[in-house]
Amino acid sequence: MSVTPADPRPAQPEGPPPVDLDPGQRERLLDLARLALAVAVGARGADDLRRVLDSGPLPGLHAGAFVTLTEHDRLRGCMGTLDERQPAWASVLEAARMAALADPRFSAVGAAELGSIHVEVSVLGPMTLLEDAASFRPGVDGLVIERGGRRGLLLPEVADMLEPRHDAMLDAVCRKAGLPDSAWRDTGATLLVFRTCRFGGPAAWTGGS
Protein backbone atom coordinates (compact mmCIF):
# COMPACT_ATOMS: atom_id res chain seq x y z
CA MET A 1 0.00 0.00 0.00
CA SER A 2 1.25 3.45 -0.78
CA VAL A 3 0.12 6.45 1.22
CA THR A 4 0.38 10.22 1.20
CA PRO A 5 0.61 12.19 4.44
CA ALA A 6 -2.38 13.28 6.47
CA ASP A 7 -2.68 15.68 9.39
CA PRO A 8 -3.66 13.73 12.52
CA ARG A 9 -6.73 14.80 14.47
CA PRO A 10 -6.82 14.95 18.28
CA ALA A 11 -7.48 11.72 20.12
CA GLN A 12 -11.15 10.92 20.71
CA PRO A 13 -12.18 8.96 23.84
CA GLU A 14 -14.77 6.98 21.86
CA GLY A 15 -12.35 6.15 19.06
CA PRO A 16 -12.25 7.43 15.48
CA PRO A 17 -15.57 8.42 13.91
CA PRO A 18 -17.26 6.18 11.32
CA VAL A 19 -17.61 7.13 7.66
CA ASP A 20 -21.11 8.13 6.60
CA LEU A 21 -21.93 7.09 3.02
CA ASP A 22 -25.41 6.01 1.98
CA PRO A 23 -25.98 3.08 -0.44
CA GLY A 24 -26.35 5.40 -3.44
CA GLN A 25 -23.06 7.14 -2.69
CA ARG A 26 -21.28 3.83 -2.26
CA GLU A 27 -22.63 2.56 -5.59
CA ARG A 28 -21.55 5.79 -7.30
CA LEU A 29 -18.02 5.50 -5.94
CA LEU A 30 -17.80 1.81 -6.83
CA ASP A 31 -18.89 2.59 -10.38
CA LEU A 32 -16.20 5.27 -10.61
CA ALA A 33 -13.57 2.83 -9.31
CA ARG A 34 -14.56 0.30 -11.97
CA LEU A 35 -14.40 2.89 -14.71
CA ALA A 36 -11.06 4.25 -13.46
CA LEU A 37 -9.67 0.71 -13.66
CA ALA A 38 -11.00 0.30 -17.20
CA VAL A 39 -9.43 3.61 -18.26
CA ALA A 40 -6.12 2.76 -16.56
CA VAL A 41 -5.75 -0.52 -18.47
CA GLY A 42 -6.91 0.94 -21.80
CA ALA A 43 -10.29 -0.80 -21.93
CA ARG A 44 -12.12 2.56 -21.87
CA GLY A 45 -11.22 6.09 -22.84
CA ALA A 46 -10.86 9.19 -20.72
CA ASP A 47 -13.98 10.61 -22.40
CA ASP A 48 -16.03 7.84 -20.75
CA LEU A 49 -14.72 8.91 -17.37
CA ARG A 50 -15.51 12.58 -17.96
CA ARG A 51 -19.02 11.69 -19.14
CA VAL A 52 -19.75 9.58 -16.06
CA LEU A 53 -18.34 12.23 -13.71
CA ASP A 54 -20.73 14.75 -15.30
CA SER A 55 -23.71 12.38 -15.26
CA GLY A 56 -24.91 13.14 -11.75
CA PRO A 57 -24.05 14.41 -8.28
CA LEU A 58 -20.86 13.23 -6.62
CA PRO A 59 -20.51 12.54 -2.87
CA GLY A 60 -19.49 15.74 -1.12
CA LEU A 61 -17.34 13.94 1.46
CA HIS A 62 -13.63 14.80 1.49
CA ALA A 63 -11.56 11.74 2.42
CA GLY A 64 -8.70 9.49 1.51
CA ALA A 65 -9.37 6.09 -0.02
CA PHE A 66 -7.78 2.76 -0.82
CA VAL A 67 -8.65 0.37 -3.62
CA THR A 68 -7.87 -3.33 -3.22
CA LEU A 69 -7.86 -5.71 -6.18
CA THR A 70 -8.05 -9.49 -5.83
CA GLU A 71 -7.95 -12.13 -8.55
CA HIS A 72 -9.09 -15.67 -7.72
CA ASP A 73 -9.00 -14.66 -4.02
CA ARG A 74 -5.37 -13.55 -4.24
CA LEU A 75 -4.19 -9.97 -3.81
CA ARG A 76 -3.55 -8.28 -7.18
CA GLY A 77 -2.97 -4.71 -6.02
CA CYS A 78 -3.71 -2.34 -3.15
CA MET A 79 -2.91 1.36 -3.21
CA GLY A 80 -4.39 4.56 -1.83
CA THR A 81 -4.08 8.05 -0.48
CA LEU A 82 -4.58 9.50 2.99
CA ASP A 83 -5.24 13.01 1.74
CA GLU A 84 -8.34 14.14 3.66
CA ARG A 85 -8.45 17.43 1.74
CA GLN A 86 -9.54 16.08 -1.62
CA PRO A 87 -13.02 14.80 -2.52
CA ALA A 88 -13.55 11.10 -1.80
CA TRP A 89 -14.43 10.48 -5.44
CA ALA A 90 -11.06 11.91 -6.54
CA SER A 91 -9.28 9.74 -3.97
CA VAL A 92 -11.09 6.67 -5.31
CA LEU A 93 -10.11 7.48 -8.90
CA GLU A 94 -6.48 7.96 -7.88
CA ALA A 95 -6.39 4.81 -5.77
CA ALA A 96 -7.95 2.68 -8.51
CA ARG A 97 -5.45 3.86 -11.10
CA MET A 98 -2.52 3.22 -8.76
CA ALA A 99 -3.80 -0.21 -7.71
CA ALA A 100 -3.99 -1.25 -11.36
CA LEU A 101 -0.68 0.22 -12.54
CA ALA A 102 1.58 1.31 -9.70
CA ASP A 103 1.66 -1.31 -6.92
CA PRO A 104 5.38 -2.21 -6.90
CA ARG A 105 4.61 -5.75 -5.72
CA PHE A 106 2.78 -6.68 -8.92
CA SER A 107 2.91 -6.24 -12.67
CA ALA A 108 0.39 -3.83 -14.18
CA VAL A 109 -3.14 -5.18 -14.56
CA GLY A 110 -4.12 -6.00 -18.14
CA ALA A 111 -7.47 -5.33 -19.76
CA ALA A 112 -8.11 -9.05 -20.18
CA GLU A 113 -7.92 -9.55 -16.41
CA LEU A 114 -10.77 -7.24 -15.45
CA GLY A 115 -13.40 -9.97 -15.83
CA SER A 116 -11.74 -12.06 -13.11
CA ILE A 117 -10.85 -9.24 -10.70
CA HIS A 118 -12.82 -8.19 -7.63
CA VAL A 119 -12.49 -4.58 -6.49
CA GLU A 120 -12.94 -3.30 -2.93
CA VAL A 121 -13.11 0.41 -2.11
CA SER A 122 -12.22 1.61 1.39
CA VAL A 123 -13.13 5.24 2.09
CA LEU A 124 -11.18 6.43 5.12
CA GLY A 125 -12.53 8.44 8.01
CA PRO A 126 -10.53 11.08 9.90
CA MET A 127 -7.28 10.05 11.56
CA THR A 128 -7.18 10.33 15.36
CA LEU A 129 -4.31 9.81 17.76
CA LEU A 130 -4.16 6.49 19.59
CA GLU A 131 -2.83 7.48 23.00
CA ASP A 132 -3.54 4.17 24.72
CA ALA A 133 -2.73 1.03 22.72
CA ALA A 134 -5.08 -0.94 24.95
CA SER A 135 -8.02 0.96 23.43
CA PHE A 136 -7.20 -0.18 19.88
CA ARG A 137 -10.07 -2.23 18.40
CA PRO A 138 -8.79 -4.94 16.01
CA GLY A 139 -11.08 -5.42 13.04
CA VAL A 140 -12.80 -2.08 13.65
CA ASP A 141 -9.98 0.46 13.51
CA GLY A 142 -7.37 0.87 10.81
CA LEU A 143 -3.88 1.70 12.02
CA VAL A 144 -0.98 3.95 11.01
CA ILE A 145 2.44 4.14 12.66
CA GLU A 146 4.97 6.92 12.11
CA ARG A 147 8.48 6.83 13.55
CA GLY A 148 11.82 8.18 12.37
CA GLY A 149 10.58 9.11 8.92
CA ARG A 150 8.98 5.71 8.34
CA ARG A 151 5.26 5.13 7.97
CA GLY A 152 3.09 2.03 7.70
CA LEU A 153 -0.65 1.57 7.30
CA LEU A 154 -2.99 -1.38 7.69
CA LEU A 155 -6.70 -1.35 6.86
CA PRO A 156 -9.08 -2.73 9.52
CA GLU A 157 -9.81 -5.98 7.69
CA VAL A 158 -6.15 -7.04 7.90
CA ALA A 159 -6.85 -8.05 11.50
CA ASP A 160 -8.77 -11.07 10.18
CA MET A 161 -5.54 -12.44 8.69
CA LEU A 162 -3.45 -12.09 11.86
CA GLU A 163 -3.12 -13.97 15.13
CA PRO A 164 -6.14 -13.55 17.45
CA ARG A 165 -4.34 -11.38 20.01
CA HIS A 166 -4.81 -7.70 20.71
CA ASP A 167 -1.32 -6.54 19.74
CA ALA A 168 -0.97 -8.61 16.55
CA MET A 169 -1.98 -5.72 14.29
CA LEU A 170 0.20 -3.29 16.24
CA ASP A 171 3.20 -5.53 15.57
CA ALA A 172 2.17 -6.03 11.94
CA VAL A 173 1.90 -2.31 11.15
CA CYS A 174 5.44 -1.88 12.50
CA ARG A 175 6.69 -4.53 10.09
CA LYS A 176 4.79 -2.77 7.30
CA ALA A 177 6.80 0.38 8.08
CA GLY A 178 10.07 -1.55 8.15
CA LEU A 179 10.32 -1.23 11.93
CA PRO A 180 10.77 -3.86 14.66
CA ASP A 181 7.56 -5.44 15.92
CA SER A 182 7.77 -3.63 19.24
CA ALA A 183 8.35 -0.16 17.75
CA TRP A 184 4.78 0.86 18.61
CA ARG A 185 5.81 0.86 22.26
CA ASP A 186 8.52 3.51 21.68
CA THR A 187 7.89 7.02 22.95
CA GLY A 188 9.00 8.39 19.57
CA ALA A 189 6.31 6.48 17.67
CA THR A 190 3.01 8.06 16.69
CA LEU A 191 -0.01 5.79 16.34
CA LEU A 192 -3.10 6.92 14.43
CA VAL A 193 -6.40 5.10 14.06
CA PHE A 194 -9.25 5.48 11.60
CA ARG A 195 -12.48 3.83 10.46
CA THR A 196 -13.44 2.90 6.90
CA CYS A 197 -16.54 2.43 4.81
CA ARG A 198 -15.76 -0.62 2.67
CA PHE A 199 -17.73 -1.92 -0.31
CA GLY A 200 -16.99 -3.70 -3.56
CA GLY A 201 -17.94 -6.04 -6.36
CA PRO A 202 -16.73 -7.32 -9.74
CA ALA A 203 -14.21 -4.98 -11.37
CA ALA A 204 -15.64 -5.10 -14.90
CA TRP A 205 -17.46 -1.86 -15.71
CA THR A 206 -20.89 -2.34 -17.34
CA GLY A 207 -22.01 1.26 -17.54
CA GLY A 208 -22.60 1.27 -21.26
CA SER A 209 -20.68 1.56 -24.49
C-alpha atoms as a PDB file:
ATOM      1  CA  MET A   1       0.000   0.000   0.000  1.00  0.00           C
ATOM      2  CA  SER A   2       1.249   3.449  -0.785  1.00  0.00           C
ATOM      3  CA  VAL A   3       0.115   6.449   1.216  1.00  0.00           C
ATOM      4  CA  THR A   4       0.379  10.215   1.199  1.00  0.00           C
ATOM      5  CA  PRO A   5       0.614  12.190   4.444  1.00  0.00           C
ATOM      6  CA  ALA A   6      -2.383  13.280   6.467  1.00  0.00           C
ATOM      7  CA  ASP A   7      -2.680  15.682   9.389  1.00  0.00           C
ATOM      8  CA  PRO A   8      -3.664  13.727  12.525  1.00  0.00           C
ATOM      9  CA  ARG A   9      -6.733  14.803  14.465  1.00  0.00           C
ATOM     10  CA  PRO A  10      -6.817  14.946  18.282  1.00  0.00           C
ATOM     11  CA  ALA A  11      -7.482  11.717  20.120  1.00  0.00           C
ATOM     12  CA  GLN A  12     -11.154  10.920  20.708  1.00  0.00           C
ATOM     13  CA  PRO A  13     -12.183   8.965  23.839  1.00  0.00           C
ATOM     14  CA  GLU A  14     -14.768   6.979  21.860  1.00  0.00           C
ATOM     15  CA  GLY A  15     -12.350   6.149  19.057  1.00  0.00           C
ATOM     16  CA  PRO A  16     -12.254   7.430  15.477  1.00  0.00           C
ATOM     17  CA  PRO A  17     -15.568   8.420  13.912  1.00  0.00           C
ATOM     18  CA  PRO A  18     -17.261   6.178  11.321  1.00  0.00           C
ATOM     19  CA  VAL A  19     -17.608   7.126   7.659  1.00  0.00           C
ATOM     20  CA  ASP A  20     -21.113   8.132   6.595  1.00  0.00           C
ATOM     21  CA  LEU A  21     -21.926   7.091   3.018  1.00  0.00           C
ATOM     22  CA  ASP A  22     -25.410   6.008   1.981  1.00  0.00           C
ATOM     23  CA  PRO A  23     -25.982   3.079  -0.436  1.00  0.00           C
ATOM     24  CA  GLY A  24     -26.350   5.404  -3.437  1.00  0.00           C
ATOM     25  CA  GLN A  25     -23.057   7.136  -2.691  1.00  0.00           C
ATOM     26  CA  ARG A  26     -21.284   3.826  -2.265  1.00  0.00           C
ATOM     27  CA  GLU A  27     -22.631   2.559  -5.586  1.00  0.00           C
ATOM     28  CA  ARG A  28     -21.549   5.787  -7.299  1.00  0.00           C
ATOM     29  CA  LEU A  29     -18.019   5.502  -5.939  1.00  0.00           C
ATOM     30  CA  LEU A  30     -17.800   1.810  -6.827  1.00  0.00           C
ATOM     31  CA  ASP A  31     -18.888   2.594 -10.381  1.00  0.00           C
ATOM     32  CA  LEU A  32     -16.197   5.274 -10.613  1.00  0.00           C
ATOM     33  CA  ALA A  33     -13.574   2.831  -9.307  1.00  0.00           C
ATOM     34  CA  ARG A  34     -14.561   0.297 -11.972  1.00  0.00           C
ATOM     35  CA  LEU A  35     -14.397   2.890 -14.711  1.00  0.00           C
ATOM     36  CA  ALA A  36     -11.062   4.246 -13.465  1.00  0.00           C
ATOM     37  CA  LEU A  37      -9.672   0.714 -13.661  1.00  0.00           C
ATOM     38  CA  ALA A  38     -10.998   0.304 -17.199  1.00  0.00           C
ATOM     39  CA  VAL A  39      -9.434   3.606 -18.261  1.00  0.00           C
ATOM     40  CA  ALA A  40      -6.124   2.764 -16.556  1.00  0.00           C
ATOM     41  CA  VAL A  41      -5.752  -0.519 -18.471  1.00  0.00           C
ATOM     42  CA  GLY A  42      -6.909   0.937 -21.795  1.00  0.00           C
ATOM     43  CA  ALA A  43     -10.291  -0.796 -21.927  1.00  0.00           C
ATOM     44  CA  ARG A  44     -12.125   2.559 -21.875  1.00  0.00           C
ATOM     45  CA  GLY A  45     -11.217   6.093 -22.840  1.00  0.00           C
ATOM     46  CA  ALA A  46     -10.861   9.194 -20.719  1.00  0.00           C
ATOM     47  CA  ASP A  47     -13.979  10.613 -22.404  1.00  0.00           C
ATOM     48  CA  ASP A  48     -16.029   7.844 -20.752  1.00  0.00           C
ATOM     49  CA  LEU A  49     -14.724   8.909 -17.369  1.00  0.00           C
ATOM     50  CA  ARG A  50     -15.506  12.584 -17.961  1.00  0.00           C
ATOM     51  CA  ARG A  51     -19.018  11.686 -19.144  1.00  0.00           C
ATOM     52  CA  VAL A  52     -19.747   9.581 -16.062  1.00  0.00           C
ATOM     53  CA  LEU A  53     -18.344  12.225 -13.714  1.00  0.00           C
ATOM     54  CA  ASP A  54     -20.728  14.745 -15.296  1.00  0.00           C
ATOM     55  CA  SER A  55     -23.715  12.385 -15.255  1.00  0.00           C
ATOM     56  CA  GLY A  56     -24.913  13.142 -11.753  1.00  0.00           C
ATOM     57  CA  PRO A  57     -24.048  14.409  -8.279  1.00  0.00           C
ATOM     58  CA  LEU A  58     -20.858  13.231  -6.617  1.00  0.00           C
ATOM     59  CA  PRO A  59     -20.510  12.543  -2.874  1.00  0.00           C
ATOM     60  CA  GLY A  60     -19.486  15.738  -1.116  1.00  0.00           C
ATOM     61  CA  LEU A  61     -17.338  13.935   1.458  1.00  0.00           C
ATOM     62  CA  HIS A  62     -13.625  14.800   1.490  1.00  0.00           C
ATOM     63  CA  ALA A  63     -11.565  11.741   2.421  1.00  0.00           C
ATOM     64  CA  GLY A  64      -8.696   9.494   1.511  1.00  0.00           C
ATOM     65  CA  ALA A  65      -9.371   6.091  -0.023  1.00  0.00           C
ATOM     66  CA  PHE A  66      -7.778   2.756  -0.820  1.00  0.00           C
ATOM     67  CA  VAL A  67      -8.650   0.368  -3.618  1.00  0.00           C
ATOM     68  CA  THR A  68      -7.874  -3.335  -3.218  1.00  0.00           C
ATOM     69  CA  LEU A  69      -7.863  -5.712  -6.185  1.00  0.00           C
ATOM     70  CA  THR A  70      -8.051  -9.486  -5.833  1.00  0.00           C
ATOM     71  CA  GLU A  71      -7.947 -12.134  -8.552  1.00  0.00           C
ATOM     72  CA  HIS A  72      -9.090 -15.669  -7.717  1.00  0.00           C
ATOM     73  CA  ASP A  73      -8.997 -14.663  -4.019  1.00  0.00           C
ATOM     74  CA  ARG A  74      -5.367 -13.547  -4.236  1.00  0.00           C
ATOM     75  CA  LEU A  75      -4.185  -9.972  -3.809  1.00  0.00           C
ATOM     76  CA  ARG A  76      -3.550  -8.282  -7.180  1.00  0.00           C
ATOM     77  CA  GLY A  77      -2.974  -4.710  -6.020  1.00  0.00           C
ATOM     78  CA  CYS A  78      -3.715  -2.338  -3.151  1.00  0.00           C
ATOM     79  CA  MET A  79      -2.914   1.359  -3.205  1.00  0.00           C
ATOM     80  CA  GLY A  80      -4.389   4.556  -1.828  1.00  0.00           C
ATOM     81  CA  THR A  81      -4.080   8.046  -0.483  1.00  0.00           C
ATOM     82  CA  LEU A  82      -4.579   9.496   2.990  1.00  0.00           C
ATOM     83  CA  ASP A  83      -5.245  13.014   1.736  1.00  0.00           C
ATOM     84  CA  GLU A  84      -8.341  14.137   3.657  1.00  0.00           C
ATOM     85  CA  ARG A  85      -8.452  17.428   1.741  1.00  0.00           C
ATOM     86  CA  GLN A  86      -9.540  16.080  -1.619  1.00  0.00           C
ATOM     87  CA  PRO A  87     -13.015  14.796  -2.520  1.00  0.00           C
ATOM     88  CA  ALA A  88     -13.547  11.104  -1.797  1.00  0.00           C
ATOM     89  CA  TRP A  89     -14.434  10.477  -5.443  1.00  0.00           C
ATOM     90  CA  ALA A  90     -11.063  11.915  -6.543  1.00  0.00           C
ATOM     91  CA  SER A  91      -9.278   9.743  -3.972  1.00  0.00           C
ATOM     92  CA  VAL A  92     -11.092   6.671  -5.309  1.00  0.00           C
ATOM     93  CA  LEU A  93     -10.107   7.480  -8.901  1.00  0.00           C
ATOM     94  CA  GLU A  94      -6.477   7.965  -7.880  1.00  0.00           C
ATOM     95  CA  ALA A  95      -6.388   4.810  -5.767  1.00  0.00           C
ATOM     96  CA  ALA A  96      -7.953   2.676  -8.507  1.00  0.00           C
ATOM     97  CA  ARG A  97      -5.445   3.858 -11.100  1.00  0.00           C
ATOM     98  CA  MET A  98      -2.521   3.220  -8.760  1.00  0.00           C
ATOM     99  CA  ALA A  99      -3.801  -0.209  -7.714  1.00  0.00           C
ATOM    100  CA  ALA A 100      -3.986  -1.250 -11.364  1.00  0.00           C
ATOM    101  CA  LEU A 101      -0.682   0.217 -12.539  1.00  0.00           C
ATOM    102  CA  ALA A 102       1.585   1.306  -9.698  1.00  0.00           C
ATOM    103  CA  ASP A 103       1.662  -1.306  -6.924  1.00  0.00           C
ATOM    104  CA  PRO A 104       5.381  -2.213  -6.899  1.00  0.00           C
ATOM    105  CA  ARG A 105       4.615  -5.749  -5.724  1.00  0.00           C
ATOM    106  CA  PHE A 106       2.779  -6.682  -8.922  1.00  0.00           C
ATOM    107  CA  SER A 107       2.912  -6.236 -12.675  1.00  0.00           C
ATOM    108  CA  ALA A 108       0.388  -3.834 -14.181  1.00  0.00           C
ATOM    109  CA  VAL A 109      -3.139  -5.175 -14.559  1.00  0.00           C
ATOM    110  CA  GLY A 110      -4.121  -5.998 -18.137  1.00  0.00           C
ATOM    111  CA  ALA A 111      -7.475  -5.327 -19.760  1.00  0.00           C
ATOM    112  CA  ALA A 112      -8.113  -9.052 -20.181  1.00  0.00           C
ATOM    113  CA  GLU A 113      -7.916  -9.554 -16.407  1.00  0.00           C
ATOM    114  CA  LEU A 114     -10.772  -7.243 -15.455  1.00  0.00           C
ATOM    115  CA  GLY A 115     -13.402  -9.969 -15.833  1.00  0.00           C
ATOM    116  CA  SER A 116     -11.736 -12.063 -13.111  1.00  0.00           C
ATOM    117  CA  ILE A 117     -10.845  -9.241 -10.698  1.00  0.00           C
ATOM    118  CA  HIS A 118     -12.822  -8.190  -7.630  1.00  0.00           C
ATOM    119  CA  VAL A 119     -12.493  -4.576  -6.489  1.00  0.00           C
ATOM    120  CA  GLU A 120     -12.937  -3.298  -2.935  1.00  0.00           C
ATOM    121  CA  VAL A 121     -13.115   0.409  -2.107  1.00  0.00           C
ATOM    122  CA  SER A 122     -12.221   1.613   1.392  1.00  0.00           C
ATOM    123  CA  VAL A 123     -13.127   5.238   2.088  1.00  0.00           C
ATOM    124  CA  LEU A 124     -11.181   6.428   5.124  1.00  0.00           C
ATOM    125  CA  GLY A 125     -12.530   8.436   8.009  1.00  0.00           C
ATOM    126  CA  PRO A 126     -10.527  11.081   9.899  1.00  0.00           C
ATOM    127  CA  MET A 127      -7.277  10.050  11.564  1.00  0.00           C
ATOM    128  CA  THR A 128      -7.175  10.328  15.360  1.00  0.00           C
ATOM    129  CA  LEU A 129      -4.305   9.807  17.760  1.00  0.00           C
ATOM    130  CA  LEU A 130      -4.164   6.486  19.590  1.00  0.00           C
ATOM    131  CA  GLU A 131      -2.833   7.483  23.001  1.00  0.00           C
ATOM    132  CA  ASP A 132      -3.537   4.170  24.725  1.00  0.00           C
ATOM    133  CA  ALA A 133      -2.729   1.035  22.719  1.00  0.00           C
ATOM    134  CA  ALA A 134      -5.081  -0.944  24.951  1.00  0.00           C
ATOM    135  CA  SER A 135      -8.020   0.964  23.429  1.00  0.00           C
ATOM    136  CA  PHE A 136      -7.202  -0.181  19.880  1.00  0.00           C
ATOM    137  CA  ARG A 137     -10.066  -2.232  18.401  1.00  0.00           C
ATOM    138  CA  PRO A 138      -8.785  -4.939  16.010  1.00  0.00           C
ATOM    139  CA  GLY A 139     -11.084  -5.425  13.037  1.00  0.00           C
ATOM    140  CA  VAL A 140     -12.805  -2.076  13.648  1.00  0.00           C
ATOM    141  CA  ASP A 141      -9.975   0.464  13.512  1.00  0.00           C
ATOM    142  CA  GLY A 142      -7.371   0.870  10.813  1.00  0.00           C
ATOM    143  CA  LEU A 143      -3.877   1.699  12.021  1.00  0.00           C
ATOM    144  CA  VAL A 144      -0.978   3.951  11.008  1.00  0.00           C
ATOM    145  CA  ILE A 145       2.440   4.137  12.662  1.00  0.00           C
ATOM    146  CA  GLU A 146       4.968   6.922  12.112  1.00  0.00           C
ATOM    147  CA  ARG A 147       8.484   6.832  13.550  1.00  0.00           C
ATOM    148  CA  GLY A 148      11.823   8.183  12.374  1.00  0.00           C
ATOM    149  CA  GLY A 149      10.578   9.112   8.921  1.00  0.00           C
ATOM    150  CA  ARG A 150       8.985   5.709   8.344  1.00  0.00           C
ATOM    151  CA  ARG A 151       5.260   5.128   7.967  1.00  0.00           C
ATOM    152  CA  GLY A 152       3.094   2.034   7.704  1.00  0.00           C
ATOM    153  CA  LEU A 153      -0.653   1.572   7.304  1.00  0.00           C
ATOM    154  CA  LEU A 154      -2.995  -1.382   7.690  1.00  0.00           C
ATOM    155  CA  LEU A 155      -6.696  -1.347   6.855  1.00  0.00           C
ATOM    156  CA  PRO A 156      -9.079  -2.727   9.520  1.00  0.00           C
ATOM    157  CA  GLU A 157      -9.810  -5.978   7.688  1.00  0.00           C
ATOM    158  CA  VAL A 158      -6.147  -7.037   7.899  1.00  0.00           C
ATOM    159  CA  ALA A 159      -6.855  -8.046  11.498  1.00  0.00           C
ATOM    160  CA  ASP A 160      -8.774 -11.073  10.179  1.00  0.00           C
ATOM    161  CA  MET A 161      -5.537 -12.439   8.687  1.00  0.00           C
ATOM    162  CA  LEU A 162      -3.449 -12.091  11.856  1.00  0.00           C
ATOM    163  CA  GLU A 163      -3.124 -13.969  15.134  1.00  0.00           C
ATOM    164  CA  PRO A 164      -6.137 -13.551  17.446  1.00  0.00           C
ATOM    165  CA  ARG A 165      -4.336 -11.377  20.005  1.00  0.00           C
ATOM    166  CA  HIS A 166      -4.811  -7.698  20.713  1.00  0.00           C
ATOM    167  CA  ASP A 167      -1.323  -6.536  19.744  1.00  0.00           C
ATOM    168  CA  ALA A 168      -0.971  -8.613  16.549  1.00  0.00           C
ATOM    169  CA  MET A 169      -1.979  -5.724  14.285  1.00  0.00           C
ATOM    170  CA  LEU A 170       0.196  -3.285  16.240  1.00  0.00           C
ATOM    171  CA  ASP A 171       3.201  -5.528  15.572  1.00  0.00           C
ATOM    172  CA  ALA A 172       2.167  -6.031  11.941  1.00  0.00           C
ATOM    173  CA  VAL A 173       1.902  -2.313  11.151  1.00  0.00           C
ATOM    174  CA  CYS A 174       5.438  -1.879  12.502  1.00  0.00           C
ATOM    175  CA  ARG A 175       6.688  -4.525  10.092  1.00  0.00           C
ATOM    176  CA  LYS A 176       4.791  -2.767   7.301  1.00  0.00           C
ATOM    177  CA  ALA A 177       6.799   0.378   8.077  1.00  0.00           C
ATOM    178  CA  GLY A 178      10.074  -1.549   8.149  1.00  0.00           C
ATOM    179  CA  LEU A 179      10.323  -1.232  11.928  1.00  0.00           C
ATOM    180  CA  PRO A 180      10.772  -3.857  14.662  1.00  0.00           C
ATOM    181  CA  ASP A 181       7.556  -5.437  15.921  1.00  0.00           C
ATOM    182  CA  SER A 182       7.769  -3.633  19.238  1.00  0.00           C
ATOM    183  CA  ALA A 183       8.350  -0.162  17.748  1.00  0.00           C
ATOM    184  CA  TRP A 184       4.783   0.860  18.606  1.00  0.00           C
ATOM    185  CA  ARG A 185       5.809   0.862  22.259  1.00  0.00           C
ATOM    186  CA  ASP A 186       8.518   3.507  21.679  1.00  0.00           C
ATOM    187  CA  THR A 187       7.887   7.018  22.951  1.00  0.00           C
ATOM    188  CA  GLY A 188       9.001   8.391  19.572  1.00  0.00           C
ATOM    189  CA  ALA A 189       6.312   6.480  17.667  1.00  0.00           C
ATOM    190  CA  THR A 190       3.011   8.064  16.690  1.00  0.00           C
ATOM    191  CA  LEU A 191      -0.007   5.785  16.340  1.00  0.00           C
ATOM    192  CA  LEU A 192      -3.099   6.924  14.432  1.00  0.00           C
ATOM    193  CA  VAL A 193      -6.404   5.100  14.059  1.00  0.00           C
ATOM    194  CA  PHE A 194      -9.252   5.479  11.599  1.00  0.00           C
ATOM    195  CA  ARG A 195     -12.476   3.835  10.455  1.00  0.00           C
ATOM    196  CA  THR A 196     -13.440   2.903   6.903  1.00  0.00           C
ATOM    197  CA  CYS A 197     -16.538   2.430   4.806  1.00  0.00           C
ATOM    198  CA  ARG A 198     -15.764  -0.624   2.670  1.00  0.00           C
ATOM    199  CA  PHE A 199     -17.732  -1.919  -0.314  1.00  0.00           C
ATOM    200  CA  GLY A 200     -16.989  -3.699  -3.558  1.00  0.00           C
ATOM    201  CA  GLY A 201     -17.936  -6.042  -6.357  1.00  0.00           C
ATOM    202  CA  PRO A 202     -16.731  -7.316  -9.739  1.00  0.00           C
ATOM    203  CA  ALA A 203     -14.207  -4.980 -11.369  1.00  0.00           C
ATOM    204  CA  ALA A 204     -15.638  -5.100 -14.897  1.00  0.00           C
ATOM    205  CA  TRP A 205     -17.460  -1.859 -15.714  1.00  0.00           C
ATOM    206  CA  THR A 206     -20.887  -2.342 -17.344  1.00  0.00           C
ATOM    207  CA  GLY A 207     -22.006   1.263 -17.543  1.00  0.00           C
ATOM    208  CA  GLY A 208     -22.602   1.272 -21.259  1.00  0.00           C
ATOM    209  CA  SER A 209     -20.680   1.563 -24.488  1.00  0.00           C
END
